[in-house]
């Protein structure tokens, strides 16, 4: 199903455990990529200020930022859309009234069907591979991942231990071109970039 709001294929999930700062991670994303802004552990004021800084970077680099939270907050804070957790699926109606694109997480058949009923524009289906975000959770087989993608009837985005190479393998396995999202892959890329810059630095 074509989403009502075309969304990026490549995503970063913000995570307070990341070693790199959000600005550093955002700088790694190609123009046209997306960011799911979480950082739920911050106070409302600190979270808002961090989002505003991220939005300035996003505008400069042509990135899309979705807020993980209620649609009214996403609209007030100027986010480009909203990421609804499963327990907030009923808020998709409000998001549509505000004209906000909606993404949702999907981990199983029940959640895929709920995302479909909610009219999500895109779904993050996980974990496709073992990941520290879901410690101990069994990874989805490619066939099961593709089944959930069909059930959700929204733009499918793979999450969970994802890399570009793994996304290409999934495309070959399913004959479709799913998007992919990551946390650690971007954090590791940032660490490698810092390491190269340190090696190349010229002593003064």
N, C-alpha and C. Protein backbone atom coordinates (compact mmCIF):
# COMPACT_ATOMS: atom_id res chain seq x y z
N UNK A 1 0.85 -1.19 0.00
CA UNK A 1 0.00 0.00 0.00
C UNK A 1 0.88 1.24 0.00
N UNK A 2 0.56 2.21 -0.86
CA UNK A 2 1.32 3.46 -0.89
C UNK A 2 0.89 4.35 0.27
N UNK A 3 1.83 4.84 1.05
CA UNK A 3 1.45 5.67 2.19
C UNK A 3 0.84 6.98 1.74
N UNK A 4 -0.07 7.51 2.55
CA UNK A 4 -0.66 8.82 2.24
C UNK A 4 0.41 9.90 2.30
N UNK A 5 1.35 9.73 3.19
CA UNK A 5 2.46 10.67 3.32
C UNK A 5 3.75 9.92 2.96
N UNK A 6 4.33 10.14 1.80
CA UNK A 6 5.59 9.46 1.48
C UNK A 6 6.64 9.78 2.52
N UNK A 7 7.27 8.76 3.03
CA UNK A 7 8.25 8.92 4.10
C UNK A 7 9.61 8.37 3.66
N UNK A 8 10.69 8.77 4.35
CA UNK A 8 12.02 8.29 3.97
C UNK A 8 12.17 6.78 4.08
N UNK A 9 13.18 6.28 3.40
CA UNK A 9 13.52 4.86 3.47
C UNK A 9 14.59 4.59 4.53
N UNK A 10 15.33 5.62 4.89
CA UNK A 10 16.48 5.46 5.79
C UNK A 10 16.23 6.27 7.05
N UNK A 11 16.43 5.61 8.23
CA UNK A 11 16.06 6.25 9.49
C UNK A 11 17.10 6.05 10.59
N UNK A 12 17.11 7.02 11.47
CA UNK A 12 17.84 6.96 12.74
C UNK A 12 16.83 7.04 13.87
N UNK A 13 16.95 6.14 14.85
CA UNK A 13 16.18 6.24 16.08
C UNK A 13 17.05 6.90 17.13
N UNK A 14 16.60 8.01 17.69
CA UNK A 14 17.40 8.63 18.75
C UNK A 14 17.37 7.74 19.98
N UNK A 15 18.47 7.71 20.70
CA UNK A 15 18.58 6.85 21.87
C UNK A 15 19.53 7.50 22.87
N UNK A 16 19.09 7.62 24.10
CA UNK A 16 19.92 8.26 25.11
C UNK A 16 21.16 7.46 25.46
N UNK A 17 21.20 6.17 25.04
CA UNK A 17 22.38 5.35 25.32
C UNK A 17 23.49 5.56 24.30
N UNK A 18 23.18 6.22 23.19
CA UNK A 18 24.19 6.41 22.14
C UNK A 18 25.36 7.22 22.66
N UNK A 19 26.56 6.84 22.24
CA UNK A 19 27.76 7.56 22.64
C UNK A 19 27.87 8.90 21.93
N UNK A 20 27.41 8.93 20.69
CA UNK A 20 27.48 10.17 19.91
C UNK A 20 26.25 11.03 20.19
N UNK A 21 26.42 12.34 20.09
CA UNK A 21 25.29 13.25 20.25
C UNK A 21 24.39 13.23 19.04
N UNK A 22 23.18 13.73 19.21
CA UNK A 22 22.21 13.71 18.11
C UNK A 22 22.70 14.51 16.90
N UNK A 23 23.31 15.64 17.15
CA UNK A 23 23.80 16.46 16.03
C UNK A 23 24.85 15.71 15.23
N UNK A 24 25.73 15.00 15.93
CA UNK A 24 26.77 14.21 15.25
C UNK A 24 26.14 13.09 14.43
N UNK A 25 25.15 12.43 14.99
CA UNK A 25 24.49 11.33 14.27
C UNK A 25 23.70 11.86 13.07
N UNK A 26 23.01 12.97 13.26
CA UNK A 26 22.23 13.54 12.16
C UNK A 26 23.12 13.93 11.00
N UNK A 27 24.35 14.34 11.30
CA UNK A 27 25.29 14.75 10.24
C UNK A 27 25.71 13.57 9.36
N UNK A 28 25.51 12.34 9.84
CA UNK A 28 25.88 11.17 9.06
C UNK A 28 24.80 10.77 8.07
N UNK A 29 23.58 11.24 8.27
CA UNK A 29 22.45 10.80 7.46
C UNK A 29 22.44 11.50 6.10
N UNK A 30 22.20 10.76 5.03
CA UNK A 30 22.05 11.39 3.72
C UNK A 30 20.82 12.29 3.69
N UNK A 31 20.83 13.35 2.90
CA UNK A 31 19.63 14.18 2.76
C UNK A 31 18.42 13.32 2.38
N UNK A 32 17.28 13.65 2.95
CA UNK A 32 16.07 12.89 2.68
C UNK A 32 15.82 11.75 3.65
N UNK A 33 16.74 11.56 4.60
CA UNK A 33 16.56 10.53 5.62
C UNK A 33 15.62 11.03 6.72
N UNK A 34 15.28 10.12 7.64
CA UNK A 34 14.38 10.48 8.72
C UNK A 34 14.96 10.16 10.09
N UNK A 35 14.44 10.84 11.10
CA UNK A 35 14.84 10.62 12.49
C UNK A 35 13.58 10.45 13.33
N UNK A 36 13.54 9.39 14.13
CA UNK A 36 12.51 9.24 15.15
C UNK A 36 13.09 9.78 16.45
N UNK A 37 12.56 10.89 16.91
CA UNK A 37 13.08 11.54 18.10
C UNK A 37 12.35 11.01 19.33
N UNK A 38 13.11 10.33 20.20
CA UNK A 38 12.54 9.77 21.42
C UNK A 38 13.04 10.57 22.63
N UNK A 39 14.12 10.15 23.25
CA UNK A 39 14.66 10.84 24.43
C UNK A 39 13.57 11.11 25.47
N UNK A 40 12.77 10.10 25.74
CA UNK A 40 11.64 10.26 26.66
C UNK A 40 12.08 10.50 28.10
N UNK A 41 13.33 10.17 28.42
CA UNK A 41 13.79 10.33 29.79
C UNK A 41 14.05 11.77 30.19
N UNK A 42 14.07 12.68 29.24
CA UNK A 42 14.32 14.08 29.55
C UNK A 42 13.06 14.76 30.07
N UNK A 43 13.24 15.82 30.81
CA UNK A 43 12.09 16.64 31.19
C UNK A 43 11.51 17.26 29.91
N UNK A 44 10.27 17.70 30.01
CA UNK A 44 9.61 18.26 28.83
C UNK A 44 10.38 19.43 28.24
N UNK A 45 10.88 20.32 29.12
CA UNK A 45 11.61 21.48 28.63
C UNK A 45 12.90 21.11 27.94
N UNK A 46 13.68 20.22 28.54
CA UNK A 46 14.94 19.80 27.93
C UNK A 46 14.69 19.04 26.63
N UNK A 47 13.65 18.24 26.61
CA UNK A 47 13.33 17.48 25.40
C UNK A 47 12.93 18.43 24.27
N UNK A 48 12.14 19.43 24.59
CA UNK A 48 11.73 20.40 23.58
C UNK A 48 12.93 21.16 23.02
N UNK A 49 13.83 21.59 23.91
CA UNK A 49 15.00 22.34 23.44
C UNK A 49 15.90 21.48 22.57
N UNK A 50 16.07 20.20 22.93
CA UNK A 50 16.88 19.30 22.10
C UNK A 50 16.23 19.08 20.74
N UNK A 51 14.91 18.93 20.74
CA UNK A 51 14.21 18.76 19.46
C UNK A 51 14.37 19.99 18.58
N UNK A 52 14.28 21.18 19.18
CA UNK A 52 14.41 22.40 18.37
C UNK A 52 15.79 22.48 17.73
N UNK A 53 16.83 22.12 18.48
CA UNK A 53 18.18 22.11 17.90
C UNK A 53 18.27 21.09 16.77
N UNK A 54 17.67 19.93 17.00
CA UNK A 54 17.69 18.90 15.97
C UNK A 54 16.93 19.35 14.73
N UNK A 55 15.82 20.04 14.92
CA UNK A 55 15.03 20.51 13.78
C UNK A 55 15.82 21.51 12.94
N UNK A 56 16.63 22.33 13.58
CA UNK A 56 17.46 23.27 12.81
C UNK A 56 18.45 22.52 11.94
N UNK A 57 19.08 21.49 12.50
CA UNK A 57 20.00 20.65 11.72
C UNK A 57 19.26 19.95 10.60
N UNK A 58 18.05 19.47 10.91
CA UNK A 58 17.27 18.74 9.92
C UNK A 58 16.90 19.63 8.74
N UNK A 59 16.52 20.85 9.01
CA UNK A 59 16.17 21.76 7.90
C UNK A 59 17.38 22.03 7.02
N UNK A 60 18.55 22.17 7.65
CA UNK A 60 19.77 22.44 6.88
C UNK A 60 20.13 21.25 6.00
N UNK A 61 19.92 20.04 6.51
CA UNK A 61 20.34 18.83 5.80
C UNK A 61 19.22 18.13 5.05
N UNK A 62 18.02 18.66 5.08
CA UNK A 62 16.91 18.05 4.36
C UNK A 62 16.44 16.75 5.00
N UNK A 63 16.37 16.72 6.31
CA UNK A 63 15.94 15.52 7.03
C UNK A 63 14.51 15.70 7.55
N UNK A 64 13.85 14.57 7.79
CA UNK A 64 12.50 14.58 8.36
C UNK A 64 12.59 14.10 9.80
N UNK A 65 11.96 14.81 10.73
CA UNK A 65 11.98 14.43 12.14
C UNK A 65 10.57 14.16 12.62
N UNK A 66 10.35 12.97 13.15
CA UNK A 66 9.07 12.60 13.74
C UNK A 66 9.24 12.48 15.26
N UNK A 67 8.27 12.98 15.99
CA UNK A 67 8.31 12.91 17.44
C UNK A 67 7.61 11.66 17.94
N UNK A 68 8.27 10.91 18.80
CA UNK A 68 7.63 9.79 19.48
C UNK A 68 6.84 10.36 20.64
N UNK A 69 5.54 10.41 20.48
CA UNK A 69 4.70 11.03 21.50
C UNK A 69 3.33 11.33 20.96
N UNK A 70 2.54 12.10 21.67
CA UNK A 70 1.18 12.40 21.23
C UNK A 70 1.17 13.37 20.05
N UNK A 71 0.18 13.24 19.17
CA UNK A 71 0.11 14.11 18.00
C UNK A 71 0.05 15.60 18.33
N UNK A 72 -0.70 15.97 19.36
CA UNK A 72 -0.81 17.40 19.70
C UNK A 72 0.55 17.98 20.05
N UNK A 73 1.37 17.20 20.76
CA UNK A 73 2.71 17.67 21.10
C UNK A 73 3.57 17.78 19.85
N UNK A 74 3.49 16.79 18.98
CA UNK A 74 4.27 16.83 17.73
C UNK A 74 3.90 18.06 16.91
N UNK A 75 2.62 18.37 16.86
CA UNK A 75 2.16 19.52 16.08
C UNK A 75 2.63 20.82 16.71
N UNK A 76 2.50 20.94 18.05
CA UNK A 76 2.92 22.17 18.73
C UNK A 76 4.42 22.39 18.61
N UNK A 77 5.18 21.32 18.69
CA UNK A 77 6.63 21.43 18.67
C UNK A 77 7.20 21.51 17.26
N UNK A 78 6.36 21.42 16.25
CA UNK A 78 6.83 21.59 14.88
C UNK A 78 7.48 20.39 14.25
N UNK A 79 7.24 19.20 14.80
CA UNK A 79 7.80 17.98 14.21
C UNK A 79 7.13 17.69 12.87
N UNK A 80 7.82 16.92 12.04
CA UNK A 80 7.28 16.60 10.73
C UNK A 80 6.29 15.46 10.72
N UNK A 81 6.02 14.88 11.88
CA UNK A 81 5.09 13.76 11.98
C UNK A 81 5.17 13.17 13.37
N UNK A 82 4.49 12.04 13.55
CA UNK A 82 4.42 11.44 14.87
C UNK A 82 4.66 9.94 14.80
N UNK A 83 5.42 9.44 15.78
CA UNK A 83 5.64 8.01 15.92
C UNK A 83 4.82 7.55 17.12
N UNK A 84 3.80 6.73 16.87
CA UNK A 84 2.89 6.29 17.92
C UNK A 84 3.26 4.90 18.40
N UNK A 85 3.48 4.76 19.70
CA UNK A 85 3.64 3.42 20.26
C UNK A 85 2.30 2.70 20.15
N UNK A 86 2.34 1.39 20.28
CA UNK A 86 1.14 0.60 20.09
C UNK A 86 0.01 1.01 21.04
N UNK A 87 0.34 1.33 22.29
CA UNK A 87 -0.72 1.70 23.23
C UNK A 87 -1.34 3.05 22.92
N UNK A 88 -0.73 3.80 21.98
CA UNK A 88 -1.29 5.09 21.56
C UNK A 88 -1.91 5.01 20.16
N UNK A 89 -2.18 3.81 19.69
CA UNK A 89 -2.69 3.64 18.32
C UNK A 89 -3.98 4.44 18.09
N UNK A 90 -4.79 4.58 19.14
CA UNK A 90 -6.06 5.29 18.99
C UNK A 90 -5.86 6.77 18.65
N UNK A 91 -4.64 7.30 18.87
CA UNK A 91 -4.37 8.70 18.58
C UNK A 91 -4.08 8.95 17.10
N UNK A 92 -4.06 7.89 16.30
CA UNK A 92 -3.82 8.06 14.87
C UNK A 92 -4.91 8.93 14.22
N UNK A 93 -6.12 8.83 14.72
CA UNK A 93 -7.22 9.65 14.19
C UNK A 93 -6.90 11.13 14.40
N UNK A 94 -6.40 11.47 15.58
CA UNK A 94 -6.04 12.85 15.87
C UNK A 94 -4.89 13.31 14.98
N UNK A 95 -3.91 12.44 14.78
CA UNK A 95 -2.77 12.79 13.92
C UNK A 95 -3.23 13.10 12.50
N UNK A 96 -4.16 12.30 11.98
CA UNK A 96 -4.66 12.55 10.63
C UNK A 96 -5.38 13.89 10.55
N UNK A 97 -6.13 14.23 11.59
CA UNK A 97 -6.83 15.52 11.58
C UNK A 97 -5.85 16.68 11.57
N UNK A 98 -4.69 16.47 12.18
CA UNK A 98 -3.65 17.51 12.20
C UNK A 98 -2.78 17.48 10.95
N UNK A 99 -3.01 16.51 10.09
CA UNK A 99 -2.22 16.40 8.86
C UNK A 99 -0.84 15.83 9.06
N UNK A 100 -0.65 15.07 10.15
CA UNK A 100 0.68 14.53 10.46
C UNK A 100 0.82 13.09 9.95
N UNK A 101 1.92 12.77 9.28
CA UNK A 101 2.18 11.37 8.96
C UNK A 101 2.41 10.57 10.23
N UNK A 102 2.04 9.30 10.18
CA UNK A 102 2.09 8.42 11.35
C UNK A 102 2.94 7.19 11.08
N UNK A 103 3.87 6.91 11.98
CA UNK A 103 4.58 5.63 11.94
C UNK A 103 4.29 4.90 13.25
N UNK A 104 4.42 3.56 13.20
CA UNK A 104 4.18 2.75 14.39
C UNK A 104 5.17 1.59 14.43
N UNK A 105 5.48 1.08 15.62
CA UNK A 105 6.31 -0.12 15.72
C UNK A 105 5.45 -1.37 15.56
N UNK A 106 6.03 -2.41 15.01
CA UNK A 106 5.33 -3.70 14.85
C UNK A 106 6.30 -4.81 15.24
N UNK A 107 5.85 -5.69 16.14
CA UNK A 107 6.67 -6.82 16.56
C UNK A 107 5.99 -8.17 16.34
N UNK A 108 4.69 -8.15 16.09
CA UNK A 108 3.95 -9.41 15.95
C UNK A 108 2.68 -9.20 15.13
N UNK A 109 1.93 -10.27 14.92
CA UNK A 109 0.74 -10.20 14.08
C UNK A 109 -0.30 -9.25 14.66
N UNK A 110 -0.51 -9.32 15.96
CA UNK A 110 -1.50 -8.44 16.59
C UNK A 110 -1.17 -6.97 16.36
N UNK A 111 0.09 -6.62 16.51
CA UNK A 111 0.49 -5.23 16.32
C UNK A 111 0.42 -4.83 14.85
N UNK A 112 0.72 -5.75 13.94
CA UNK A 112 0.62 -5.45 12.51
C UNK A 112 -0.82 -5.12 12.13
N UNK A 113 -1.75 -5.89 12.66
CA UNK A 113 -3.16 -5.64 12.36
C UNK A 113 -3.63 -4.32 12.97
N UNK A 114 -3.14 -4.01 14.17
CA UNK A 114 -3.52 -2.74 14.78
C UNK A 114 -2.98 -1.57 13.97
N UNK A 115 -1.75 -1.68 13.48
CA UNK A 115 -1.18 -0.62 12.66
C UNK A 115 -1.99 -0.43 11.38
N UNK A 116 -2.45 -1.53 10.82
CA UNK A 116 -3.26 -1.45 9.60
C UNK A 116 -4.59 -0.74 9.89
N UNK A 117 -5.25 -1.14 10.99
CA UNK A 117 -6.52 -0.49 11.34
C UNK A 117 -6.32 1.00 11.63
N UNK A 118 -5.16 1.34 12.16
CA UNK A 118 -4.88 2.74 12.50
C UNK A 118 -4.53 3.57 11.28
N UNK A 119 -4.26 2.92 10.16
CA UNK A 119 -3.89 3.65 8.95
C UNK A 119 -2.50 4.23 8.99
N UNK A 120 -1.58 3.53 9.65
CA UNK A 120 -0.20 4.02 9.72
C UNK A 120 0.39 4.18 8.33
N UNK A 121 1.18 5.22 8.15
CA UNK A 121 1.83 5.45 6.85
C UNK A 121 3.05 4.56 6.67
N UNK A 122 3.72 4.24 7.77
CA UNK A 122 4.89 3.37 7.73
C UNK A 122 4.98 2.63 9.05
N UNK A 123 5.59 1.46 9.01
CA UNK A 123 5.75 0.65 10.23
C UNK A 123 7.20 0.20 10.35
N UNK A 124 7.71 0.26 11.58
CA UNK A 124 9.05 -0.22 11.88
C UNK A 124 8.90 -1.64 12.45
N UNK A 125 9.27 -2.63 11.66
CA UNK A 125 9.07 -4.02 12.03
C UNK A 125 10.36 -4.58 12.60
N UNK A 126 10.29 -5.08 13.85
CA UNK A 126 11.51 -5.51 14.52
C UNK A 126 11.20 -6.60 15.55
N UNK A 127 12.29 -7.26 16.05
CA UNK A 127 13.69 -7.13 15.60
C UNK A 127 14.01 -8.14 14.50
N UNK A 128 14.54 -7.64 13.41
CA UNK A 128 14.92 -8.55 12.33
C UNK A 128 16.19 -9.31 12.68
N UNK A 129 17.05 -8.69 13.47
CA UNK A 129 18.29 -9.32 13.95
C UNK A 129 18.40 -9.05 15.45
N UNK A 130 19.20 -9.84 16.17
CA UNK A 130 19.38 -9.57 17.60
C UNK A 130 19.87 -8.15 17.82
N UNK A 131 19.35 -7.53 18.86
CA UNK A 131 19.69 -6.14 19.14
C UNK A 131 19.61 -5.87 20.63
N UNK A 132 20.41 -4.94 21.11
CA UNK A 132 20.38 -4.62 22.54
C UNK A 132 19.10 -3.88 22.92
N UNK A 133 18.36 -3.37 21.92
CA UNK A 133 17.10 -2.71 22.23
C UNK A 133 16.03 -3.70 22.66
N UNK A 134 16.19 -4.95 22.24
CA UNK A 134 15.26 -6.01 22.63
C UNK A 134 16.07 -7.19 23.17
N UNK A 135 16.74 -7.03 24.30
CA UNK A 135 17.61 -8.09 24.82
C UNK A 135 16.85 -9.39 25.06
N UNK A 136 17.37 -10.46 24.49
CA UNK A 136 16.76 -11.76 24.68
C UNK A 136 15.58 -12.06 23.78
N UNK A 137 15.11 -11.06 23.03
CA UNK A 137 13.96 -11.29 22.15
C UNK A 137 14.40 -12.07 20.92
N UNK A 138 13.63 -13.09 20.52
CA UNK A 138 14.00 -13.84 19.32
C UNK A 138 13.88 -12.97 18.07
N UNK A 139 14.85 -13.06 17.20
CA UNK A 139 14.82 -12.28 15.96
C UNK A 139 13.82 -12.89 14.99
N UNK A 140 13.23 -12.03 14.17
CA UNK A 140 12.28 -12.49 13.16
C UNK A 140 13.02 -13.11 11.99
N UNK A 141 12.50 -14.21 11.48
CA UNK A 141 13.03 -14.75 10.23
C UNK A 141 12.56 -13.85 9.09
N UNK A 142 13.32 -13.77 7.99
CA UNK A 142 12.89 -12.91 6.87
C UNK A 142 11.47 -13.18 6.42
N UNK A 143 11.08 -14.46 6.38
CA UNK A 143 9.72 -14.78 5.95
C UNK A 143 8.67 -14.21 6.88
N UNK A 144 8.93 -14.29 8.19
CA UNK A 144 7.99 -13.73 9.16
C UNK A 144 7.97 -12.21 9.08
N UNK A 145 9.12 -11.60 8.86
CA UNK A 145 9.19 -10.15 8.70
C UNK A 145 8.33 -9.72 7.52
N UNK A 146 8.46 -10.42 6.41
CA UNK A 146 7.69 -10.07 5.21
C UNK A 146 6.19 -10.29 5.42
N UNK A 147 5.85 -11.30 6.18
CA UNK A 147 4.44 -11.54 6.49
C UNK A 147 3.86 -10.38 7.29
N UNK A 148 4.60 -9.91 8.29
CA UNK A 148 4.14 -8.78 9.08
C UNK A 148 4.02 -7.52 8.22
N UNK A 149 4.94 -7.36 7.28
CA UNK A 149 4.90 -6.21 6.39
C UNK A 149 3.62 -6.23 5.55
N UNK A 150 3.26 -7.40 5.06
CA UNK A 150 2.03 -7.50 4.25
C UNK A 150 0.80 -7.23 5.12
N UNK A 151 0.78 -7.76 6.33
CA UNK A 151 -0.37 -7.57 7.21
C UNK A 151 -0.56 -6.11 7.59
N UNK A 152 0.53 -5.41 7.82
CA UNK A 152 0.44 -4.02 8.25
C UNK A 152 -0.04 -3.10 7.13
N UNK A 153 0.20 -3.50 5.89
CA UNK A 153 -0.26 -2.72 4.72
C UNK A 153 0.20 -1.27 4.79
N UNK A 154 1.43 -1.05 5.18
CA UNK A 154 2.03 0.28 5.21
C UNK A 154 3.47 0.15 4.71
N UNK A 155 4.12 1.27 4.49
CA UNK A 155 5.51 1.22 4.05
C UNK A 155 6.34 0.50 5.11
N UNK A 156 6.99 -0.63 4.77
CA UNK A 156 7.72 -1.40 5.78
C UNK A 156 9.16 -0.92 5.95
N UNK A 157 9.57 -0.80 7.21
CA UNK A 157 10.92 -0.39 7.53
C UNK A 157 11.51 -1.39 8.52
N UNK A 158 12.65 -1.96 8.17
CA UNK A 158 13.28 -2.98 9.01
C UNK A 158 14.08 -2.32 10.12
N UNK A 159 13.93 -2.88 11.33
CA UNK A 159 14.64 -2.35 12.49
C UNK A 159 15.13 -3.52 13.33
N UNK A 160 16.26 -3.32 13.99
CA UNK A 160 16.80 -4.38 14.83
C UNK A 160 18.08 -4.95 14.25
N UNK A 161 19.22 -4.41 14.69
CA UNK A 161 20.50 -4.90 14.19
C UNK A 161 20.72 -4.64 12.71
N UNK A 162 20.08 -3.61 12.19
CA UNK A 162 20.13 -3.39 10.74
C UNK A 162 21.38 -2.62 10.29
N UNK A 163 21.80 -2.97 9.08
CA UNK A 163 22.85 -2.26 8.36
C UNK A 163 22.42 -2.19 6.90
N UNK A 164 23.13 -1.43 6.13
CA UNK A 164 22.81 -1.35 4.70
C UNK A 164 22.90 -2.69 4.02
N UNK A 165 23.93 -3.49 4.36
CA UNK A 165 24.10 -4.81 3.74
C UNK A 165 22.93 -5.72 4.09
N UNK A 166 22.49 -5.68 5.33
CA UNK A 166 21.36 -6.53 5.73
C UNK A 166 20.07 -6.08 5.04
N UNK A 167 19.91 -4.80 4.82
CA UNK A 167 18.74 -4.30 4.11
C UNK A 167 18.73 -4.81 2.67
N UNK A 168 19.91 -4.85 2.05
CA UNK A 168 19.98 -5.35 0.66
C UNK A 168 19.66 -6.84 0.61
N UNK A 169 20.09 -7.60 1.62
CA UNK A 169 19.76 -9.03 1.65
C UNK A 169 18.26 -9.23 1.83
N UNK A 170 17.65 -8.42 2.65
CA UNK A 170 16.20 -8.53 2.83
C UNK A 170 15.47 -8.21 1.54
N UNK A 171 15.95 -7.25 0.82
CA UNK A 171 15.33 -6.89 -0.47
C UNK A 171 15.41 -8.07 -1.43
N UNK A 172 16.57 -8.74 -1.48
CA UNK A 172 16.70 -9.89 -2.37
C UNK A 172 15.79 -11.04 -1.93
N UNK A 173 15.63 -11.21 -0.62
CA UNK A 173 14.81 -12.32 -0.11
C UNK A 173 13.34 -12.11 -0.38
N UNK A 174 12.89 -10.84 -0.33
CA UNK A 174 11.46 -10.60 -0.44
C UNK A 174 11.00 -9.98 -1.73
N UNK A 175 11.93 -9.57 -2.58
CA UNK A 175 11.54 -8.96 -3.84
C UNK A 175 10.94 -7.58 -3.68
N UNK A 176 11.08 -6.96 -2.50
CA UNK A 176 10.59 -5.61 -2.29
C UNK A 176 11.75 -4.73 -1.86
N UNK A 177 11.50 -3.46 -1.74
CA UNK A 177 12.57 -2.54 -1.36
C UNK A 177 12.20 -1.87 -0.04
N UNK A 178 12.34 -2.59 1.08
CA UNK A 178 11.97 -2.00 2.36
C UNK A 178 12.96 -0.95 2.81
N UNK A 179 12.49 -0.06 3.65
CA UNK A 179 13.41 0.87 4.27
C UNK A 179 14.10 0.20 5.44
N UNK A 180 15.06 0.87 6.04
CA UNK A 180 15.70 0.33 7.24
C UNK A 180 16.07 1.44 8.19
N UNK A 181 16.10 1.08 9.46
CA UNK A 181 16.40 2.03 10.52
C UNK A 181 17.37 1.40 11.49
N UNK A 182 18.09 2.24 12.21
CA UNK A 182 19.08 1.71 13.15
C UNK A 182 19.36 2.71 14.26
N UNK A 183 19.94 2.17 15.30
CA UNK A 183 20.48 2.97 16.40
C UNK A 183 22.00 2.76 16.43
N UNK A 184 22.38 1.52 16.72
CA UNK A 184 23.79 1.20 16.90
C UNK A 184 24.62 1.38 15.63
N UNK A 185 24.05 1.07 14.47
CA UNK A 185 24.83 1.19 13.24
C UNK A 185 25.30 2.62 13.03
N UNK A 186 24.44 3.60 13.34
CA UNK A 186 24.84 5.00 13.19
C UNK A 186 25.82 5.40 14.27
N UNK A 187 25.62 4.90 15.48
CA UNK A 187 26.54 5.21 16.58
C UNK A 187 27.93 4.66 16.28
N UNK A 188 27.98 3.44 15.75
CA UNK A 188 29.27 2.84 15.40
C UNK A 188 29.94 3.60 14.25
N UNK A 189 29.14 4.05 13.30
CA UNK A 189 29.70 4.83 12.19
C UNK A 189 30.29 6.14 12.69
N UNK A 190 29.60 6.76 13.65
CA UNK A 190 30.12 8.01 14.22
C UNK A 190 31.44 7.76 14.95
N UNK A 191 31.53 6.63 15.67
CA UNK A 191 32.77 6.31 16.39
C UNK A 191 33.92 6.10 15.42
N UNK A 192 33.66 5.41 14.31
CA UNK A 192 34.71 5.17 13.31
C UNK A 192 35.15 6.49 12.67
N UNK A 193 34.19 7.37 12.46
CA UNK A 193 34.52 8.67 11.87
C UNK A 193 35.41 9.48 12.80
N UNK A 194 35.08 9.46 14.09
CA UNK A 194 35.92 10.18 15.06
C UNK A 194 37.32 9.59 15.12
N UNK A 195 37.40 8.26 15.03
CA UNK A 195 38.69 7.59 15.07
C UNK A 195 39.54 7.99 13.87
N UNK A 196 38.93 8.05 12.67
CA UNK A 196 39.68 8.46 11.47
C UNK A 196 40.15 9.90 11.61
N UNK A 197 39.27 10.76 12.09
CA UNK A 197 39.65 12.17 12.23
C UNK A 197 40.81 12.33 13.21
N UNK A 198 40.79 11.52 14.26
CA UNK A 198 41.87 11.60 15.26
C UNK A 198 43.20 11.14 14.65
N UNK A 199 43.14 10.06 13.84
CA UNK A 199 44.38 9.57 13.21
C UNK A 199 44.92 10.57 12.20
N UNK A 200 43.99 11.27 11.52
CA UNK A 200 44.41 12.19 10.46
C UNK A 200 44.75 13.57 10.98
N UNK A 201 44.51 13.80 12.25
CA UNK A 201 44.79 15.12 12.81
C UNK A 201 46.29 15.40 12.76
N UNK A 202 46.62 16.60 12.37
CA UNK A 202 48.02 17.01 12.29
C UNK A 202 48.43 17.65 13.60
N UNK A 203 49.41 17.13 14.30
CA UNK A 203 49.86 17.75 15.55
C UNK A 203 50.33 19.18 15.34
N UNK A 204 49.98 20.00 16.28
CA UNK A 204 50.40 21.42 16.17
C UNK A 204 51.70 21.61 16.94
